[in-house]
C-alpha atoms as a PDB file:
ATOM      1  CA  MET A   1      81.135 133.399  99.950  1.00  0.00           C
ATOM      2  CA  GLU A   2      83.726 132.388 102.458  1.00  0.00           C
ATOM      3  CA  ASP A   3      84.578 129.386 100.333  1.00  0.00           C
ATOM      4  CA  ARG A   4      85.602 131.626  97.537  1.00  0.00           C
ATOM      5  CA  GLY A   5      87.992 133.605  99.739  1.00  0.00           C
ATOM      6  CA  VAL A   6      89.605 130.387 101.081  1.00  0.00           C
ATOM      7  CA  PHE A   7      89.866 129.109  97.555  1.00  0.00           C
ATOM      8  CA  ARG A   8      91.488 132.275  96.281  1.00  0.00           C
ATOM      9  CA  ARG A   9      93.993 132.275  99.054  1.00  0.00           C
ATOM     10  CA  LEU A  10      94.795 128.658  98.351  1.00  0.00           C
ATOM     11  CA  ILE A  11      95.361 129.329  94.677  1.00  0.00           C
ATOM     12  CA  HIS A  12      97.563 132.419  95.463  1.00  0.00           C
ATOM     13  CA  ARG A  13      99.596 130.416  97.941  1.00  0.00           C
ATOM     14  CA  SER A  14      99.947 127.577  95.444  1.00  0.00           C
ATOM     15  CA  VAL A  15     101.100 129.842  92.688  1.00  0.00           C
ATOM     16  CA  LEU A  16     103.623 131.562  95.081  1.00  0.00           C
ATOM     17  CA  LEU A  17     104.829 128.122  96.167  1.00  0.00           C
ATOM     18  CA  ALA A  18     105.218 127.062  92.516  1.00  0.00           C
ATOM     19  CA  LEU A  19     107.270 130.144  91.664  1.00  0.00           C
ATOM     20  CA  VAL A  20     109.616 129.757  94.585  1.00  0.00           C
ATOM     21  CA  SER A  21     109.987 126.008  93.804  1.00  0.00           C
ATOM     22  CA  LEU A  22     110.697 126.733  90.210  1.00  0.00           C
ATOM     23  CA  CYS A  23     113.352 129.286  91.145  1.00  0.00           C
ATOM     24  CA  VAL A  24     115.081 126.918  93.616  1.00  0.00           C
ATOM     25  CA  ALA A  25     114.914 123.917  91.216  1.00  0.00           C
ATOM     26  CA  ALA A  26     116.112 125.906  88.197  1.00  0.00           C
ATOM     27  CA  VAL A  27     119.241 127.283  89.760  1.00  0.00           C
ATOM     28  CA  PRO A  28     121.380 124.146  89.679  1.00  0.00           C
ATOM     29  CA  LEU A  29     120.208 123.206  86.199  1.00  0.00           C
ATOM     30  CA  LEU A  30     120.693 126.674  84.679  1.00  0.00           C
ATOM     31  CA  ALA A  31     124.138 127.226  86.327  1.00  0.00           C
ATOM     32  CA  ARG A  32     125.829 124.441  84.415  1.00  0.00           C
ATOM     33  CA  ALA A  33     128.071 125.693  81.740  1.00  0.00           C
ATOM     34  CA  ASP A  34     128.221 124.116  78.326  1.00  0.00           C
ATOM     35  CA  ASP A  35     130.333 124.906  75.280  1.00  0.00           C
ATOM     36  CA  SER A  36     127.696 124.343  72.602  1.00  0.00           C
ATOM     37  CA  PRO A  37     126.288 127.618  71.238  1.00  0.00           C
ATOM     38  CA  GLU A  38     122.724 126.315  71.239  1.00  0.00           C
ATOM     39  CA  ARG A  39     122.866 125.382  74.902  1.00  0.00           C
ATOM     40  CA  ASN A  40     124.561 128.645  75.717  1.00  0.00           C
ATOM     41  CA  ILE A  41     121.642 130.539  74.169  1.00  0.00           C
ATOM     42  CA  PHE A  42     119.104 128.370  75.938  1.00  0.00           C
ATOM     43  CA  MET A  43     121.056 128.813  79.233  1.00  0.00           C
ATOM     44  CA  HIS A  44     120.932 132.635  78.953  1.00  0.00           C
ATOM     45  CA  TYR A  45     117.260 132.482  78.181  1.00  0.00           C
ATOM     46  CA  GLY A  46     116.625 130.181  81.108  1.00  0.00           C
ATOM     47  CA  LEU A  47     118.725 132.301  83.456  1.00  0.00           C
ATOM     48  CA  GLY A  48     116.794 135.309  82.375  1.00  0.00           C
ATOM     49  CA  VAL A  49     113.427 133.701  82.872  1.00  0.00           C
ATOM     50  CA  GLY A  50     114.605 132.277  86.192  1.00  0.00           C
ATOM     51  CA  ALA A  51     115.830 135.683  87.429  1.00  0.00           C
ATOM     52  CA  ALA A  52     112.555 137.355  86.390  1.00  0.00           C
ATOM     53  CA  LEU A  53     110.443 134.746  88.203  1.00  0.00           C
ATOM     54  CA  CYS A  54     112.692 134.909  91.329  1.00  0.00           C
ATOM     55  CA  THR A  55     112.422 138.751  91.202  1.00  0.00           C
ATOM     56  CA  LEU A  56     108.557 138.380  91.405  1.00  0.00           C
ATOM     57  CA  VAL A  57     109.041 136.815  94.891  1.00  0.00           C
ATOM     58  CA  TYR A  58     112.228 138.482  96.117  1.00  0.00           C
ATOM     59  CA  GLY A  59     111.501 142.067  94.917  1.00  0.00           C
ATOM     60  CA  PRO A  60     108.307 142.639  96.977  1.00  0.00           C
ATOM     61  CA  ALA A  61     109.882 141.028 100.044  1.00  0.00           C
ATOM     62  CA  LYS A  62     112.919 143.385  99.721  1.00  0.00           C
ATOM     63  CA  ILE A  63     110.691 146.499  99.234  1.00  0.00           C
ATOM     64  CA  LEU A  64     108.586 145.455 102.356  1.00  0.00           C
ATOM     65  CA  TYR A  65     111.872 144.990 104.355  1.00  0.00           C
ATOM     66  CA  ALA A  66     113.135 148.367 103.225  1.00  0.00           C
ATOM     67  CA  THR A  67     109.882 150.127 103.981  1.00  0.00           C
ATOM     68  CA  LEU A  68     109.614 148.560 107.447  1.00  0.00           C
ATOM     69  CA  GLY A  69     113.260 149.408 108.141  1.00  0.00           C
ATOM     70  CA  SER A  70     112.652 153.037 107.082  1.00  0.00           C
ATOM     71  CA  LEU A  71     109.564 153.291 109.271  1.00  0.00           C
ATOM     72  CA  THR A  72     111.409 151.726 112.216  1.00  0.00           C
ATOM     73  CA  GLY A  73     114.350 154.129 111.672  1.00  0.00           C
ATOM     74  CA  GLY A  74     111.912 157.158 111.675  1.00  0.00           C
ATOM     75  CA  LEU A  75     110.428 155.889 114.913  1.00  0.00           C
ATOM     76  CA  ALA A  76     113.890 155.397 116.384  1.00  0.00           C
ATOM     77  CA  TRP A  77     114.809 158.979 115.348  1.00  0.00           C
ATOM     78  CA  ALA A  78     111.739 160.337 117.172  1.00  0.00           C
ATOM     79  CA  LEU A  79     112.300 158.255 120.216  1.00  0.00           C
ATOM     80  CA  THR A  80     115.945 159.296 120.562  1.00  0.00           C
ATOM     81  CA  GLY A  81     115.156 162.945 120.375  1.00  0.00           C
ATOM     82  CA  GLY A  82     116.470 163.482 116.831  1.00  0.00           C
ATOM     83  CA  ARG A  83     119.766 161.605 116.991  1.00  0.00           C
ATOM     84  CA  THR A  84     120.801 160.633 113.496  1.00  0.00           C
ATOM     85  CA  ASP A  85     123.274 157.830 114.353  1.00  0.00           C
ATOM     86  CA  VAL A  86     120.624 155.340 115.718  1.00  0.00           C
ATOM     87  CA  PRO A  87     118.205 155.459 112.706  1.00  0.00           C
ATOM     88  CA  ARG A  88     121.033 155.387 110.268  1.00  0.00           C
ATOM     89  CA  GLU A  89     122.081 152.024 111.673  1.00  0.00           C
ATOM     90  CA  ILE A  90     118.563 150.748 111.073  1.00  0.00           C
ATOM     91  CA  ILE A  91     117.793 152.426 107.736  1.00  0.00           C
ATOM     92  CA  GLU A  92     120.973 151.882 105.801  1.00  0.00           C
ATOM     93  CA  PRO A  93     121.099 148.045 105.950  1.00  0.00           C
ATOM     94  CA  ALA A  94     117.402 147.927 105.150  1.00  0.00           C
ATOM     95  CA  VAL A  95     117.492 150.223 102.145  1.00  0.00           C
ATOM     96  CA  ARG A  96     120.762 149.154 100.645  1.00  0.00           C
ATOM     97  CA  GLY A  97     121.169 145.783  98.939  1.00  0.00           C
ATOM     98  CA  ASP A  98     119.748 144.221  95.851  1.00  0.00           C
ATOM     99  CA  TYR A  99     116.183 144.667  94.802  1.00  0.00           C
ATOM    100  CA  VAL A 100     116.280 142.606  91.694  1.00  0.00           C
ATOM    101  CA  VAL A 101     117.678 139.058  91.085  1.00  0.00           C
ATOM    102  CA  THR A 102     119.995 138.945  88.152  1.00  0.00           C
ATOM    103  CA  PRO A 103     121.316 135.854  86.123  1.00  0.00           C
ATOM    104  CA  GLU A 104     124.687 136.421  87.751  1.00  0.00           C
ATOM    105  CA  ASN A 105     122.999 135.860  91.160  1.00  0.00           C
ATOM    106  CA  LEU A 106     121.574 132.536  89.907  1.00  0.00           C
ATOM    107  CA  THR A 107     124.979 131.314  88.696  1.00  0.00           C
ATOM    108  CA  PHE A 108     126.625 132.386  92.006  1.00  0.00           C
ATOM    109  CA  ASN A 109     128.960 134.749  90.175  1.00  0.00           C
ATOM    110  CA  GLN A 110     127.646 137.677  92.195  1.00  0.00           C
ATOM    111  CA  PRO A 111     126.111 137.452  95.705  1.00  0.00           C
ATOM    112  CA  LEU A 112     122.516 138.530  96.272  1.00  0.00           C
ATOM    113  CA  LEU A 113     122.529 141.005  99.130  1.00  0.00           C
ATOM    114  CA  PHE A 114     119.182 141.235 100.912  1.00  0.00           C
ATOM    115  CA  VAL A 115     120.709 143.259 103.814  1.00  0.00           C
ATOM    116  CA  GLY A 116     122.894 145.958 102.393  1.00  0.00           C
ATOM    117  CA  LYS A 117     126.467 146.633 103.500  1.00  0.00           C
ATOM    118  CA  GLU A 118     127.653 150.188 104.455  1.00  0.00           C
ATOM    119  CA  HIS A 119     130.160 151.638 102.060  1.00  0.00           C
ATOM    120  CA  ALA A 120     133.463 152.515 103.761  1.00  0.00           C
ATOM    121  CA  LEU A 121     133.633 155.894 101.999  1.00  0.00           C
ATOM    122  CA  ASP A 122     130.130 156.856 103.382  1.00  0.00           C
ATOM    123  CA  ARG A 123     131.279 156.510 106.979  1.00  0.00           C
ATOM    124  CA  THR A 124     132.412 159.861 108.444  1.00  0.00           C
ATOM    125  CA  GLY A 125     133.480 160.754 111.930  1.00  0.00           C
ATOM    126  CA  ASP A 126     130.706 163.364 112.399  1.00  0.00           C
ATOM    127  CA  GLN A 127     128.235 161.200 114.339  1.00  0.00           C
ATOM    128  CA  ASN A 128     125.686 163.141 116.276  1.00  0.00           C
ATOM    129  CA  TYR A 129     125.854 162.232 120.032  1.00  0.00           C
ATOM    130  CA  GLU A 130     123.849 165.105 121.499  1.00  0.00           C
END
């Protein structure tokens, strides 16, 4: 029975490695611009498929990062006696950012943000330093 578990893990890792390799290999090929309409259609199709496959790997990693950041922020809130500034600095970068890879990310027209940036308008001067 142990051989089955090892075999399954090997298969899962191989599929995951193949998906990541496909995403990495497809980016330079799909990002090339071409004027012919047929190639343009295939380029959009390829970018969509590449973005979907990359999201299968990237999305769960981002969700795990956001979840762990939220849990760590909650623990920081409890350990600091209810201060809100400390967990905010932990939770905001973890929760903000992109959860899905888009074709614009693959063509480098838009950056893919794993760690989110704080919006300047969200920052207020009412930090709680009790």
